C-alpha atoms as a PDB file:
ATOM      1  CA  MET A   1       0.708 -23.024  -3.645  1.00  0.00           C
ATOM      2  CA  LEU A   2      -1.064 -21.896  -6.812  1.00  0.00           C
ATOM      3  CA  SER A   3      -3.583 -24.830  -6.759  1.00  0.00           C
ATOM      4  CA  ALA A   4      -4.440 -23.905  -3.208  1.00  0.00           C
ATOM      5  CA  ILE A   5      -5.020 -20.330  -4.092  1.00  0.00           C
ATOM      6  CA  LEU A   6      -7.297 -21.289  -7.001  1.00  0.00           C
ATOM      7  CA  LYS A   7      -9.102 -23.704  -4.635  1.00  0.00           C
ATOM      8  CA  GLU A   8      -9.540 -20.745  -2.048  1.00  0.00           C
ATOM      9  CA  ILE A   9     -11.166 -18.599  -4.738  1.00  0.00           C
ATOM     10  CA  GLU A  10     -13.872 -21.208  -4.891  1.00  0.00           C
ATOM     11  CA  ILE A  11     -14.155 -21.624  -1.110  1.00  0.00           C
ATOM     12  CA  GLN A  12     -14.473 -17.870  -0.637  1.00  0.00           C
ATOM     13  CA  LYS A  13     -16.836 -17.289  -3.687  1.00  0.00           C
ATOM     14  CA  ASP A  14     -19.533 -15.953  -1.429  1.00  0.00           C
ATOM     15  CA  TYR A  15     -17.537 -13.563   0.690  1.00  0.00           C
ATOM     16  CA  LEU A  16     -18.129 -10.517  -1.264  1.00  0.00           C
ATOM     17  CA  ASP A  17     -21.893 -10.947  -1.619  1.00  0.00           C
ATOM     18  CA  GLY A  18     -21.792 -10.876  -5.346  1.00  0.00           C
ATOM     19  CA  GLU A  19     -20.093  -7.453  -5.595  1.00  0.00           C
ATOM     20  CA  LYS A  20     -18.313  -6.825  -9.007  1.00  0.00           C
ATOM     21  CA  ILE A  21     -14.536  -7.143  -9.045  1.00  0.00           C
ATOM     22  CA  ARG A  22     -12.957  -3.789  -9.889  1.00  0.00           C
ATOM     23  CA  THR A  23      -9.345  -4.315  -8.681  1.00  0.00           C
ATOM     24  CA  ILE A  24      -7.037  -7.413  -8.526  1.00  0.00           C
ATOM     25  CA  TYR A  25      -3.675  -7.067  -6.785  1.00  0.00           C
ATOM     26  CA  LEU A  26      -0.960  -9.639  -6.991  1.00  0.00           C
ATOM     27  CA  GLY A  27       1.415  -8.641  -4.116  1.00  0.00           C
ATOM     28  CA  GLY A  28       3.433  -9.995  -1.142  1.00  0.00           C
ATOM     29  CA  GLY A  29       5.950 -12.634  -1.577  1.00  0.00           C
ATOM     30  CA  THR A  30       7.183 -12.763  -5.099  1.00  0.00           C
ATOM     31  CA  PRO A  31       4.284 -12.815  -7.618  1.00  0.00           C
ATOM     32  CA  SER A  32       6.393 -11.983 -10.611  1.00  0.00           C
ATOM     33  CA  LEU A  33       7.657 -15.641 -10.266  1.00  0.00           C
ATOM     34  CA  LEU A  34       4.278 -16.562 -11.798  1.00  0.00           C
ATOM     35  CA  LYS A  35       4.253 -17.493 -15.482  1.00  0.00           C
ATOM     36  CA  ARG A  36       1.915 -16.056 -17.983  1.00  0.00           C
ATOM     37  CA  LYS A  37      -0.462 -19.166 -18.031  1.00  0.00           C
ATOM     38  CA  GLU A  38      -0.518 -19.192 -14.073  1.00  0.00           C
ATOM     39  CA  ILE A  39      -1.469 -15.474 -14.007  1.00  0.00           C
ATOM     40  CA  GLU A  40      -4.218 -16.231 -16.492  1.00  0.00           C
ATOM     41  CA  SER A  41      -5.431 -19.216 -14.634  1.00  0.00           C
ATOM     42  CA  ILE A  42      -5.935 -16.991 -11.668  1.00  0.00           C
ATOM     43  CA  LEU A  43      -7.976 -14.479 -13.485  1.00  0.00           C
ATOM     44  CA  GLU A  44     -10.001 -17.244 -15.255  1.00  0.00           C
ATOM     45  CA  THR A  45     -10.819 -18.808 -11.907  1.00  0.00           C
ATOM     46  CA  ILE A  46     -11.787 -15.383 -10.346  1.00  0.00           C
ATOM     47  CA  GLY A  47     -14.088 -14.907 -13.456  1.00  0.00           C
ATOM     48  CA  LYS A  48     -15.756 -18.454 -12.841  1.00  0.00           C
ATOM     49  CA  PHE A  49     -17.179 -17.128  -9.452  1.00  0.00           C
ATOM     50  CA  HIS A  50     -17.293 -13.285  -9.724  1.00  0.00           C
ATOM     51  CA  GLU A  51     -18.221 -10.671 -12.279  1.00  0.00           C
ATOM     52  CA  ILE A  52     -15.053  -8.730 -13.288  1.00  0.00           C
ATOM     53  CA  ASP A  53     -15.572  -5.168 -14.380  1.00  0.00           C
ATOM     54  CA  LYS A  54     -14.246  -4.549 -17.890  1.00  0.00           C
ATOM     55  CA  ASN A  55     -12.107  -1.666 -16.566  1.00  0.00           C
ATOM     56  CA  THR A  56     -10.517  -3.595 -13.621  1.00  0.00           C
ATOM     57  CA  GLU A  57      -7.274  -2.434 -12.337  1.00  0.00           C
ATOM     58  CA  PHE A  58      -4.891  -5.461 -12.351  1.00  0.00           C
ATOM     59  CA  THR A  59      -1.576  -4.828 -10.605  1.00  0.00           C
ATOM     60  CA  LEU A  60       1.442  -6.913 -10.255  1.00  0.00           C
ATOM     61  CA  GLU A  61       3.972  -5.959  -7.417  1.00  0.00           C
ATOM     62  CA  ALA A  62       7.640  -6.667  -8.360  1.00  0.00           C
ATOM     63  CA  ASN A  63      11.227  -5.933  -7.727  1.00  0.00           C
ATOM     64  CA  PRO A  64      13.429  -4.438 -10.424  1.00  0.00           C
ATOM     65  CA  ASP A  65      15.713  -7.553 -10.638  1.00  0.00           C
ATOM     66  CA  ASP A  66      12.678  -9.608 -11.556  1.00  0.00           C
ATOM     67  CA  LEU A  67      11.580  -7.226 -14.398  1.00  0.00           C
ATOM     68  CA  SER A  68      14.047  -8.238 -17.123  1.00  0.00           C
ATOM     69  CA  LYS A  69      13.018  -7.355 -20.662  1.00  0.00           C
ATOM     70  CA  LYS A  70      12.165 -10.947 -21.289  1.00  0.00           C
ATOM     71  CA  LYS A  71       9.863 -11.032 -18.195  1.00  0.00           C
ATOM     72  CA  LEU A  72       8.175  -7.701 -19.159  1.00  0.00           C
ATOM     73  CA  ILE A  73       7.366  -9.173 -22.652  1.00  0.00           C
ATOM     74  CA  GLU A  74       5.699 -11.983 -21.081  1.00  0.00           C
ATOM     75  CA  LEU A  75       3.860  -9.934 -18.604  1.00  0.00           C
ATOM     76  CA  ALA A  76       2.623  -7.598 -21.399  1.00  0.00           C
ATOM     77  CA  GLU A  77       0.716 -10.593 -22.750  1.00  0.00           C
ATOM     78  CA  THR A  78      -1.330 -11.059 -19.643  1.00  0.00           C
ATOM     79  CA  PRO A  79      -4.335  -8.976 -18.409  1.00  0.00           C
ATOM     80  CA  ILE A  80      -1.963  -7.112 -16.056  1.00  0.00           C
ATOM     81  CA  ASN A  81      -2.369  -3.262 -16.775  1.00  0.00           C
ATOM     82  CA  ARG A  82      -0.500  -1.812 -13.841  1.00  0.00           C
ATOM     83  CA  LEU A  83       2.976  -2.410 -12.307  1.00  0.00           C
ATOM     84  CA  SER A  84       4.193  -1.566  -8.743  1.00  0.00           C
ATOM     85  CA  ILE A  85       7.755  -1.623  -8.619  1.00  0.00           C
ATOM     86  CA  GLY A  86       9.915  -1.671  -5.546  1.00  0.00           C
ATOM     87  CA  ILE A  87      12.493   0.786  -6.602  1.00  0.00           C
ATOM     88  CA  GLN A  88      13.419   2.274  -3.042  1.00  0.00           C
ATOM     89  CA  SER A  89      16.305   4.338  -4.349  1.00  0.00           C
ATOM     90  CA  PHE A  90      18.365   5.040  -7.520  1.00  0.00           C
ATOM     91  CA  PHE A  91      21.671   4.888  -5.558  1.00  0.00           C
ATOM     92  CA  ASP A  92      23.587   1.659  -4.936  1.00  0.00           C
ATOM     93  CA  GLU A  93      24.741   2.727  -1.424  1.00  0.00           C
ATOM     94  CA  ASP A  94      21.198   3.053  -0.356  1.00  0.00           C
ATOM     95  CA  LEU A  95      20.167  -0.279  -1.803  1.00  0.00           C
ATOM     96  CA  LYS A  96      23.060  -2.044  -0.211  1.00  0.00           C
ATOM     97  CA  PHE A  97      22.171  -0.732   3.310  1.00  0.00           C
ATOM     98  CA  MET A  98      18.609  -1.673   2.674  1.00  0.00           C
ATOM     99  CA  ASN A  99      19.841  -5.241   1.632  1.00  0.00           C
ATOM    100  CA  ARG A 100      18.003  -5.137  -1.712  1.00  0.00           C
ATOM    101  CA  ALA A 101      18.827  -7.615  -4.237  1.00  0.00           C
ATOM    102  CA  HIS A 102      18.715  -5.022  -7.175  1.00  0.00           C
ATOM    103  CA  ASN A 103      21.082  -2.232  -7.971  1.00  0.00           C
ATOM    104  CA  ALA A 104      20.552   1.207  -9.333  1.00  0.00           C
ATOM    105  CA  ALA A 105      21.071   0.323 -12.943  1.00  0.00           C
ATOM    106  CA  GLU A 106      18.320  -2.433 -12.607  1.00  0.00           C
ATOM    107  CA  ALA A 107      15.970   0.090 -11.114  1.00  0.00           C
ATOM    108  CA  ASN A 108      16.512   2.501 -13.876  1.00  0.00           C
ATOM    109  CA  ASP A 109      16.131  -0.405 -16.550  1.00  0.00           C
ATOM    110  CA  ALA A 110      13.006  -1.849 -15.032  1.00  0.00           C
ATOM    111  CA  ILE A 111      11.142   1.417 -15.544  1.00  0.00           C
ATOM    112  CA  LEU A 112      12.557   2.177 -19.038  1.00  0.00           C
ATOM    113  CA  PHE A 113      11.594  -1.407 -20.356  1.00  0.00           C
ATOM    114  CA  ALA A 114       8.153  -1.285 -18.731  1.00  0.00           C
ATOM    115  CA  LYS A 115       7.368   2.079 -20.474  1.00  0.00           C
ATOM    116  CA  GLU A 116       8.935   0.679 -23.691  1.00  0.00           C
ATOM    117  CA  LEU A 117       6.539  -2.444 -23.531  1.00  0.00           C
ATOM    118  CA  GLY A 118       3.436  -0.385 -23.020  1.00  0.00           C
ATOM    119  CA  PHE A 119       2.988  -0.352 -19.463  1.00  0.00           C
ATOM    120  CA  HIS A 120       1.633   3.220 -18.812  1.00  0.00           C
ATOM    121  CA  ASP A 121       0.146   2.693 -15.450  1.00  0.00           C
ATOM    122  CA  ILE A 122       3.220   2.430 -13.256  1.00  0.00           C
ATOM    123  CA  SER A 123       3.771   2.996  -9.470  1.00  0.00           C
ATOM    124  CA  ILE A 124       7.146   2.961  -7.810  1.00  0.00           C
ATOM    125  CA  ASP A 125       8.166   2.697  -4.069  1.00  0.00           C
ATOM    126  CA  LEU A 126      10.667   5.161  -2.592  1.00  0.00           C
ATOM    127  CA  ILE A 127      12.262   5.171   0.866  1.00  0.00           C
ATOM    128  CA  TYR A 128      13.438   8.208   2.631  1.00  0.00           C
ATOM    129  CA  GLY A 129      15.150   8.900   5.931  1.00  0.00           C
ATOM    130  CA  SER A 130      17.801   6.228   5.392  1.00  0.00           C
ATOM    131  CA  PRO A 131      21.125   6.933   7.268  1.00  0.00           C
ATOM    132  CA  THR A 132      22.839   6.553   3.817  1.00  0.00           C
ATOM    133  CA  THR A 133      20.398   9.038   2.000  1.00  0.00           C
ATOM    134  CA  SER A 134      21.678  12.687   2.236  1.00  0.00           C
ATOM    135  CA  HIS A 135      19.179  15.477   1.388  1.00  0.00           C
ATOM    136  CA  GLU A 136      21.163  15.964  -1.999  1.00  0.00           C
ATOM    137  CA  MET A 137      20.636  12.168  -2.832  1.00  0.00           C
ATOM    138  CA  TRP A 138      17.046  12.403  -1.853  1.00  0.00           C
ATOM    139  CA  GLU A 139      16.530  15.437  -4.019  1.00  0.00           C
ATOM    140  CA  LYS A 140      18.137  13.536  -6.951  1.00  0.00           C
ATOM    141  CA  ASN A 141      16.051  10.484  -6.405  1.00  0.00           C
ATOM    142  CA  LEU A 142      12.862  12.787  -6.677  1.00  0.00           C
ATOM    143  CA  GLU A 143      14.299  14.576  -9.731  1.00  0.00           C
ATOM    144  CA  LYS A 144      14.909  11.167 -11.492  1.00  0.00           C
ATOM    145  CA  THR A 145      11.535   9.886 -10.552  1.00  0.00           C
ATOM    146  CA  PHE A 146       9.649  12.929 -11.836  1.00  0.00           C
ATOM    147  CA  GLY A 147      11.924  12.809 -14.965  1.00  0.00           C
ATOM    148  CA  PHE A 148      10.445   9.388 -15.828  1.00  0.00           C
ATOM    149  CA  GLY A 149       6.877  10.865 -15.893  1.00  0.00           C
ATOM    150  CA  ILE A 150       5.657   8.093 -13.584  1.00  0.00           C
ATOM    151  CA  PRO A 151       1.939   8.650 -12.797  1.00  0.00           C
ATOM    152  CA  HIS A 152       2.071   7.176  -9.143  1.00  0.00           C
ATOM    153  CA  ILE A 153       4.556   7.274  -6.358  1.00  0.00           C
ATOM    154  CA  SER A 154       4.455   5.497  -2.921  1.00  0.00           C
ATOM    155  CA  SER A 155       6.953   6.791  -0.497  1.00  0.00           C
ATOM    156  CA  TYR A 156       7.683   5.472   3.090  1.00  0.00           C
ATOM    157  CA  CYS A 157       9.928   6.530   5.832  1.00  0.00           C
ATOM    158  CA  MET A 158      12.840   4.104   6.737  1.00  0.00           C
ATOM    159  CA  THR A 159      11.935   2.339   9.943  1.00  0.00           C
ATOM    160  CA  VAL A 160      13.898  -0.302  12.006  1.00  0.00           C
ATOM    161  CA  GLU A 161      11.666  -3.269  12.824  1.00  0.00           C
ATOM    162  CA  PRO A 162      12.499  -5.215  15.962  1.00  0.00           C
ATOM    163  CA  GLY A 163      14.373  -8.484  15.377  1.00  0.00           C
ATOM    164  CA  THR A 164      15.618  -7.543  11.988  1.00  0.00           C
ATOM    165  CA  ALA A 165      19.306  -7.432  10.931  1.00  0.00           C
ATOM    166  CA  LEU A 166      19.067  -3.668  10.740  1.00  0.00           C
ATOM    167  CA  ASP A 167      17.686  -3.590  14.333  1.00  0.00           C
ATOM    168  CA  HIS A 168      20.691  -5.674  15.423  1.00  0.00           C
ATOM    169  CA  PHE A 169      23.229  -3.652  13.629  1.00  0.00           C
ATOM    170  CA  VAL A 170      21.904  -0.386  15.223  1.00  0.00           C
ATOM    171  CA  LYS A 171      22.050  -1.785  18.712  1.00  0.00           C
ATOM    172  CA  LYS A 172      25.571  -3.050  18.030  1.00  0.00           C
ATOM    173  CA  GLY A 173      26.699   0.417  16.845  1.00  0.00           C
ATOM    174  CA  LYS A 174      27.378  -0.933  13.369  1.00  0.00           C
ATOM    175  CA  ALA A 175      24.680   1.084  11.717  1.00  0.00           C
ATOM    176  CA  GLU A 176      23.212   4.519  12.494  1.00  0.00           C
ATOM    177  CA  ALA A 177      19.868   4.900  14.015  1.00  0.00           C
ATOM    178  CA  VAL A 178      17.125   6.549  11.793  1.00  0.00           C
ATOM    179  CA  ASP A 179      17.240  10.354  12.294  1.00  0.00           C
ATOM    180  CA  GLU A 180      13.580  11.535  12.868  1.00  0.00           C
ATOM    181  CA  ILE A 181      14.564  15.271  12.136  1.00  0.00           C
ATOM    182  CA  LYS A 182      16.258  14.212   8.902  1.00  0.00           C
ATOM    183  CA  SER A 183      13.355  11.980   7.941  1.00  0.00           C
ATOM    184  CA  ALA A 184      10.750  14.804   8.581  1.00  0.00           C
ATOM    185  CA  LYS A 185      12.827  17.252   6.378  1.00  0.00           C
ATOM    186  CA  GLN A 186      12.875  14.589   3.569  1.00  0.00           C
ATOM    187  CA  PHE A 187       9.136  14.101   3.864  1.00  0.00           C
ATOM    188  CA  ASN A 188       8.736  17.805   3.592  1.00  0.00           C
ATOM    189  CA  MET A 189      11.048  17.941   0.437  1.00  0.00           C
ATOM    190  CA  LEU A 190       8.879  15.127  -1.031  1.00  0.00           C
ATOM    191  CA  MET A 191       5.546  17.049  -0.421  1.00  0.00           C
ATOM    192  CA  ASP A 192       6.914  20.237  -1.841  1.00  0.00           C
ATOM    193  CA  ALA A 193       8.546  18.504  -4.951  1.00  0.00           C
ATOM    194  CA  ALA A 194       5.527  16.532  -5.717  1.00  0.00           C
ATOM    195  CA  ALA A 195       3.183  19.573  -5.654  1.00  0.00           C
ATOM    196  CA  LYS A 196       5.601  21.504  -7.832  1.00  0.00           C
ATOM    197  CA  HIS A 197       5.238  18.594 -10.369  1.00  0.00           C
ATOM    198  CA  ASP A 198       1.434  18.512 -10.187  1.00  0.00           C
ATOM    199  CA  TYR A 199       1.102  15.416  -8.101  1.00  0.00           C
ATOM    200  CA  GLU A 200      -1.773  15.091  -5.800  1.00  0.00           C
ATOM    201  CA  HIS A 201      -0.881  13.999  -2.227  1.00  0.00           C
ATOM    202  CA  TYR A 202      -3.993  11.940  -1.954  1.00  0.00           C
ATOM    203  CA  GLU A 203      -2.859   9.647   1.023  1.00  0.00           C
ATOM    204  CA  ILE A 204       0.052  10.294   3.447  1.00  0.00           C
ATOM    205  CA  SER A 205       2.359   7.949   1.555  1.00  0.00           C
ATOM    206  CA  ASN A 206       0.945   8.073  -1.838  1.00  0.00           C
ATOM    207  CA  PHE A 207       1.135  10.688  -4.681  1.00  0.00           C
ATOM    208  CA  SER A 208      -0.291  10.635  -8.146  1.00  0.00           C
ATOM    209  CA  LYS A 209      -1.163  12.654 -11.163  1.00  0.00           C
ATOM    210  CA  LYS A 210      -4.613  13.735 -11.505  1.00  0.00           C
ATOM    211  CA  ASP A 211      -7.269  10.739 -11.538  1.00  0.00           C
ATOM    212  CA  ARG A 212      -4.212   8.256 -11.308  1.00  0.00           C
ATOM    213  CA  TYR A 213      -4.934   7.054  -7.888  1.00  0.00           C
ATOM    214  CA  SER A 214      -4.370   3.320  -7.026  1.00  0.00           C
ATOM    215  CA  LYS A 215      -7.908   2.176  -7.228  1.00  0.00           C
ATOM    216  CA  HIS A 216      -7.131  -0.878  -5.184  1.00  0.00           C
ATOM    217  CA  ASN A 217      -5.535   0.935  -2.178  1.00  0.00           C
ATOM    218  CA  THR A 218      -8.031   3.777  -2.360  1.00  0.00           C
ATOM    219  CA  ALA A 219     -10.777   1.033  -1.658  1.00  0.00           C
ATOM    220  CA  TYR A 220      -9.056  -0.016   1.491  1.00  0.00           C
ATOM    221  CA  TRP A 221      -8.852   3.663   2.735  1.00  0.00           C
ATOM    222  CA  GLN A 222     -12.481   4.187   1.859  1.00  0.00           C
ATOM    223  CA  GLY A 223     -13.608   1.131   3.874  1.00  0.00           C
ATOM    224  CA  LYS A 224     -14.807  -1.022   0.974  1.00  0.00           C
ATOM    225  CA  LYS A 225     -14.992  -4.835   1.046  1.00  0.00           C
ATOM    226  CA  TYR A 226     -11.934  -6.744  -0.129  1.00  0.00           C
ATOM    227  CA  LEU A 227     -11.026 -10.433  -0.407  1.00  0.00           C
ATOM    228  CA  GLY A 228      -7.365 -11.613   0.376  1.00  0.00           C
ATOM    229  CA  LEU A 229      -6.128 -14.976  -0.905  1.00  0.00           C
ATOM    230  CA  GLY A 230      -3.071 -17.113   0.259  1.00  0.00           C
ATOM    231  CA  PRO A 231      -1.269 -17.474   3.556  1.00  0.00           C
ATOM    232  CA  SER A 232      -1.443 -14.453   5.936  1.00  0.00           C
ATOM    233  CA  ALA A 233      -3.905 -12.668   3.704  1.00  0.00           C
ATOM    234  CA  HIS A 234      -6.506 -10.241   5.234  1.00  0.00           C
ATOM    235  CA  SER A 235     -10.180  -9.890   4.228  1.00  0.00           C
ATOM    236  CA  PHE A 236     -12.890  -7.361   5.153  1.00  0.00           C
ATOM    237  CA  ASN A 237     -16.581  -7.403   4.524  1.00  0.00           C
ATOM    238  CA  GLY A 238     -17.782  -4.400   6.197  1.00  0.00           C
ATOM    239  CA  HIS A 239     -18.705  -5.886   9.696  1.00  0.00           C
ATOM    240  CA  SER A 240     -16.033  -8.365  10.147  1.00  0.00           C
ATOM    241  CA  ARG A 241     -12.292  -9.012   9.381  1.00  0.00           C
ATOM    242  CA  GLN A 242     -10.370 -12.198   8.903  1.00  0.00           C
ATOM    243  CA  TRP A 243      -6.865 -13.429   8.223  1.00  0.00           C
ATOM    244  CA  ASN A 244      -5.538 -16.635   6.908  1.00  0.00           C
ATOM    245  CA  ILE A 245      -2.927 -18.817   8.782  1.00  0.00           C
ATOM    246  CA  ALA A 246       0.526 -17.640   8.004  1.00  0.00           C
ATOM    247  CA  HIS A 247       2.044 -21.162   7.795  1.00  0.00           C
ATOM    248  CA  ASN A 248       2.331 -22.261   4.096  1.00  0.00           C
ATOM    249  CA  ALA A 249       2.149 -26.002   4.487  1.00  0.00           C
ATOM    250  CA  LYS A 250      -0.761 -25.644   6.894  1.00  0.00           C
ATOM    251  CA  TYR A 251      -2.597 -23.422   4.727  1.00  0.00           C
ATOM    252  CA  MET A 252      -2.096 -25.437   1.582  1.00  0.00           C
ATOM    253  CA  ASN A 253      -3.095 -28.889   3.495  1.00  0.00           C
ATOM    254  CA  GLY A 254      -6.232 -27.260   4.764  1.00  0.00           C
ATOM    255  CA  VAL A 255      -7.359 -26.053   1.496  1.00  0.00           C
ATOM    256  CA  LEU A 256      -6.389 -28.985  -0.733  1.00  0.00           C
ATOM    257  CA  ASP A 257      -6.774 -31.956   1.642  1.00  0.00           C
ATOM    258  CA  GLU A 258      -9.699 -30.884   3.792  1.00  0.00           C
ATOM    259  CA  ASN A 259     -11.419 -28.255   1.629  1.00  0.00           C
ATOM    260  CA  LYS A 260     -11.191 -25.909   4.761  1.00  0.00           C
ATOM    261  CA  LEU A 261      -9.717 -22.413   5.067  1.00  0.00           C
ATOM    262  CA  LEU A 262      -7.698 -22.117   8.341  1.00  0.00           C
ATOM    263  CA  HIS A 263      -8.168 -18.594   9.450  1.00  0.00           C
ATOM    264  CA  GLU A 264      -9.038 -16.476  12.309  1.00  0.00           C
ATOM    265  CA  LYS A 265     -11.925 -13.885  12.469  1.00  0.00           C
ATOM    266  CA  GLU A 266     -12.845 -10.744  14.376  1.00  0.00           C
ATOM    267  CA  ILE A 267     -16.314  -9.130  14.422  1.00  0.00           C
ATOM    268  CA  LEU A 268     -15.866  -5.511  14.564  1.00  0.00           C
ATOM    269  CA  SER A 269     -17.506  -3.429  17.328  1.00  0.00           C
ATOM    270  CA  PRO A 270     -18.874   0.104  16.680  1.00  0.00           C
ATOM    271  CA  ALA A 271     -15.675   1.420  18.324  1.00  0.00           C
ATOM    272  CA  ASN A 272     -13.505  -0.737  16.045  1.00  0.00           C
ATOM    273  CA  ILE A 273     -15.428   0.563  13.005  1.00  0.00           C
ATOM    274  CA  TYR A 274     -15.084   4.187  14.206  1.00  0.00           C
ATOM    275  CA  ASN A 275     -11.390   3.802  14.987  1.00  0.00           C
ATOM    276  CA  GLU A 276     -10.611   2.223  11.588  1.00  0.00           C
ATOM    277  CA  TYR A 277     -12.515   4.867   9.706  1.00  0.00           C
ATOM    278  CA  ILE A 278     -10.549   7.665  11.460  1.00  0.00           C
ATOM    279  CA  MET A 279      -7.306   5.920  10.789  1.00  0.00           C
ATOM    280  CA  THR A 280      -7.870   5.420   7.159  1.00  0.00           C
ATOM    281  CA  SER A 281      -9.940   8.473   6.124  1.00  0.00           C
ATOM    282  CA  LEU A 282      -7.740  11.106   7.985  1.00  0.00           C
ATOM    283  CA  ARG A 283      -4.744   9.936   5.968  1.00  0.00           C
ATOM    284  CA  THR A 284      -6.367  10.766   2.559  1.00  0.00           C
ATOM    285  CA  GLN A 285      -7.096  14.175   0.858  1.00  0.00           C
ATOM    286  CA  TRP A 286     -10.740  13.601   1.089  1.00  0.00           C
ATOM    287  CA  GLY A 287     -10.619  13.670   4.882  1.00  0.00           C
ATOM    288  CA  THR A 288     -12.915  12.352   7.609  1.00  0.00           C
ATOM    289  CA  LYS A 289     -16.644  13.100   7.077  1.00  0.00           C
ATOM    290  CA  LEU A 290     -18.691  13.586  10.228  1.00  0.00           C
ATOM    291  CA  GLU A 291     -21.757  12.174   8.398  1.00  0.00           C
ATOM    292  CA  GLN A 292     -20.041   8.924   7.995  1.00  0.00           C
ATOM    293  CA  ILE A 293     -19.386   8.490  11.875  1.00  0.00           C
ATOM    294  CA  ASP A 294     -21.787   6.821  13.967  1.00  0.00           C
ATOM    295  CA  PRO A 295     -23.618   9.732  15.791  1.00  0.00           C
ATOM    296  CA  PHE A 296     -22.556   8.264  19.201  1.00  0.00           C
ATOM    297  CA  PHE A 297     -19.119   9.188  18.662  1.00  0.00           C
ATOM    298  CA  HIS A 298     -19.843  12.837  17.224  1.00  0.00           C
ATOM    299  CA  SER A 299     -19.402  14.863  20.308  1.00  0.00           C
ATOM    300  CA  TYR A 300     -16.234  12.909  21.259  1.00  0.00           C
ATOM    301  CA  PHE A 301     -14.705  13.400  17.910  1.00  0.00           C
ATOM    302  CA  LEU A 302     -15.489  17.150  17.617  1.00  0.00           C
ATOM    303  CA  GLU A 303     -14.009  17.697  21.045  1.00  0.00           C
ATOM    304  CA  LYS A 304     -10.726  15.789  20.264  1.00  0.00           C
ATOM    305  CA  SER A 305     -10.503  17.675  17.099  1.00  0.00           C
ATOM    306  CA  LYS A 306     -10.542  21.218  18.585  1.00  0.00           C
ATOM    307  CA  THR A 307      -6.825  21.059  19.665  1.00  0.00           C
ATOM    308  CA  PHE A 308      -5.632  20.154  16.255  1.00  0.00           C
ATOM    309  CA  ILE A 309      -7.680  22.660  14.627  1.00  0.00           C
ATOM    310  CA  ALA A 310      -6.454  25.366  16.799  1.00  0.00           C
ATOM    311  CA  SER A 311      -2.726  24.428  16.105  1.00  0.00           C
ATOM    312  CA  LYS A 312      -3.613  24.475  12.287  1.00  0.00           C
ATOM    313  CA  LYS A 313      -2.844  20.786  11.880  1.00  0.00           C
ATOM    314  CA  LEU A 314      -6.428  20.045  10.944  1.00  0.00           C
ATOM    315  CA  ILE A 315      -8.936  21.891   8.688  1.00  0.00           C
ATOM    316  CA  HIS A 316     -12.766  21.732   9.282  1.00  0.00           C
ATOM    317  CA  GLU A 317     -14.997  22.722   6.472  1.00  0.00           C
ATOM    318  CA  ASP A 318     -18.684  21.834   6.500  1.00  0.00           C
ATOM    319  CA  GLY A 319     -18.382  18.654   8.323  1.00  0.00           C
ATOM    320  CA  ASN A 320     -15.203  17.347   6.640  1.00  0.00           C
ATOM    321  CA  PHE A 321     -11.914  17.278   8.506  1.00  0.00           C
ATOM    322  CA  ARG A 322      -8.528  17.372   6.623  1.00  0.00           C
ATOM    323  CA  LEU A 323      -4.970  17.303   7.549  1.00  0.00           C
ATOM    324  CA  THR A 324      -2.758  20.276   6.711  1.00  0.00           C
ATOM    325  CA  GLN A 325       0.883  19.799   5.771  1.00  0.00           C
ATOM    326  CA  LYS A 326       1.877  20.190   9.355  1.00  0.00           C
ATOM    327  CA  GLY A 327      -0.811  17.706  10.325  1.00  0.00           C
ATOM    328  CA  LYS A 328       0.476  15.161   7.874  1.00  0.00           C
ATOM    329  CA  MET A 329       3.751  15.056   9.683  1.00  0.00           C
ATOM    330  CA  ILE A 330       1.974  13.501  12.748  1.00  0.00           C
ATOM    331  CA  ALA A 331      -0.860  11.831  11.144  1.00  0.00           C
ATOM    332  CA  ASP A 332      -0.835   8.729  13.207  1.00  0.00           C
ATOM    333  CA  ARG A 333      -0.635  10.607  16.427  1.00  0.00           C
ATOM    334  CA  ILE A 334      -3.532  12.853  15.480  1.00  0.00           C
ATOM    335  CA  ALA A 335      -5.628   9.711  14.598  1.00  0.00           C
ATOM    336  CA  MET A 336      -4.548   7.929  17.945  1.00  0.00           C
ATOM    337  CA  GLU A 337      -5.669  10.854  19.937  1.00  0.00           C
ATOM    338  CA  MET A 338      -9.167  10.615  18.377  1.00  0.00           C
ATOM    339  CA  PHE A 339      -9.481   6.813  18.975  1.00  0.00           C
ATOM    340  CA  TRP A 340     -12.097   5.587  21.228  1.00  0.00           C
ATOM    341  CA  ALA A 341     -10.755   3.290  23.880  1.00  0.00           C
ATOM    342  CA  GLU A 342     -13.139   0.550  24.648  1.00  0.00           C
ATOM    343  CA  GLU A 343     -13.313  -0.509  28.308  1.00  0.00           C
END
């Protein structure tokens, strides 16, 4: 797999049209399985075909049970300068319900060890709205998180995906369904607590200390080009989107045996570009700028926004549209109401 990914870097060397690399993100699957030399080989190969900015944000995504002290010592010797840790909760009952491999003690230790070994740029994931998470437990999760002084938090509502074990248990009455009212309350608790601790709510699911945003994810939300590598990886170059085949063996055979990347591609229409911009920009604290929308859609967007401005879910200031706290509760619905439906 690593050989195939290194080969894909070469195959895709022209995709970004020579743009300087400012963020690298090792995510999906279990990238923490990579050894130091393997991580360095990825960076070295990227450097052969792209100019890498000296201040590049280099993130590794990992679960707490992967981040032993020994592993973190090894990672500290690599170019990785940011960790994204899938904590989810500091309570064992939550973690068992979510079928996580780690426990609360490992979640705690992963953060302490990472800080001890010099990782100052740390993001953690938290999940709210689980049937096992009371308001009191959620409050304690937040207190513990803020106590660590972590500069970045990503927090998501518990969802039940069709076909999953949790979906099966809910349908059989063996697990509680997600309570939307409870989830909304815990999201409000999160927003209030984050503001109290001087975190900026810079994207619906993301909070950070001043200027400690995820550069990588912010690039997605701002519509910048990106190149994804490996099975299922998505790429975007401003006018088209493509995604690699999801089948591991077929992906590797195509790249290594045929020197060919098996993927699908979609050329984006003006409506696609408009809808994607609305969806991503509206989720951020910087909002949607009318000047960045194709003039063809201006009157449509302005008409659709009136209802949400009147109900104080959207603020309009000098051509810039931002969600209020009330609006953030239904961000996806607001975006969908503003989408242009192609005939």
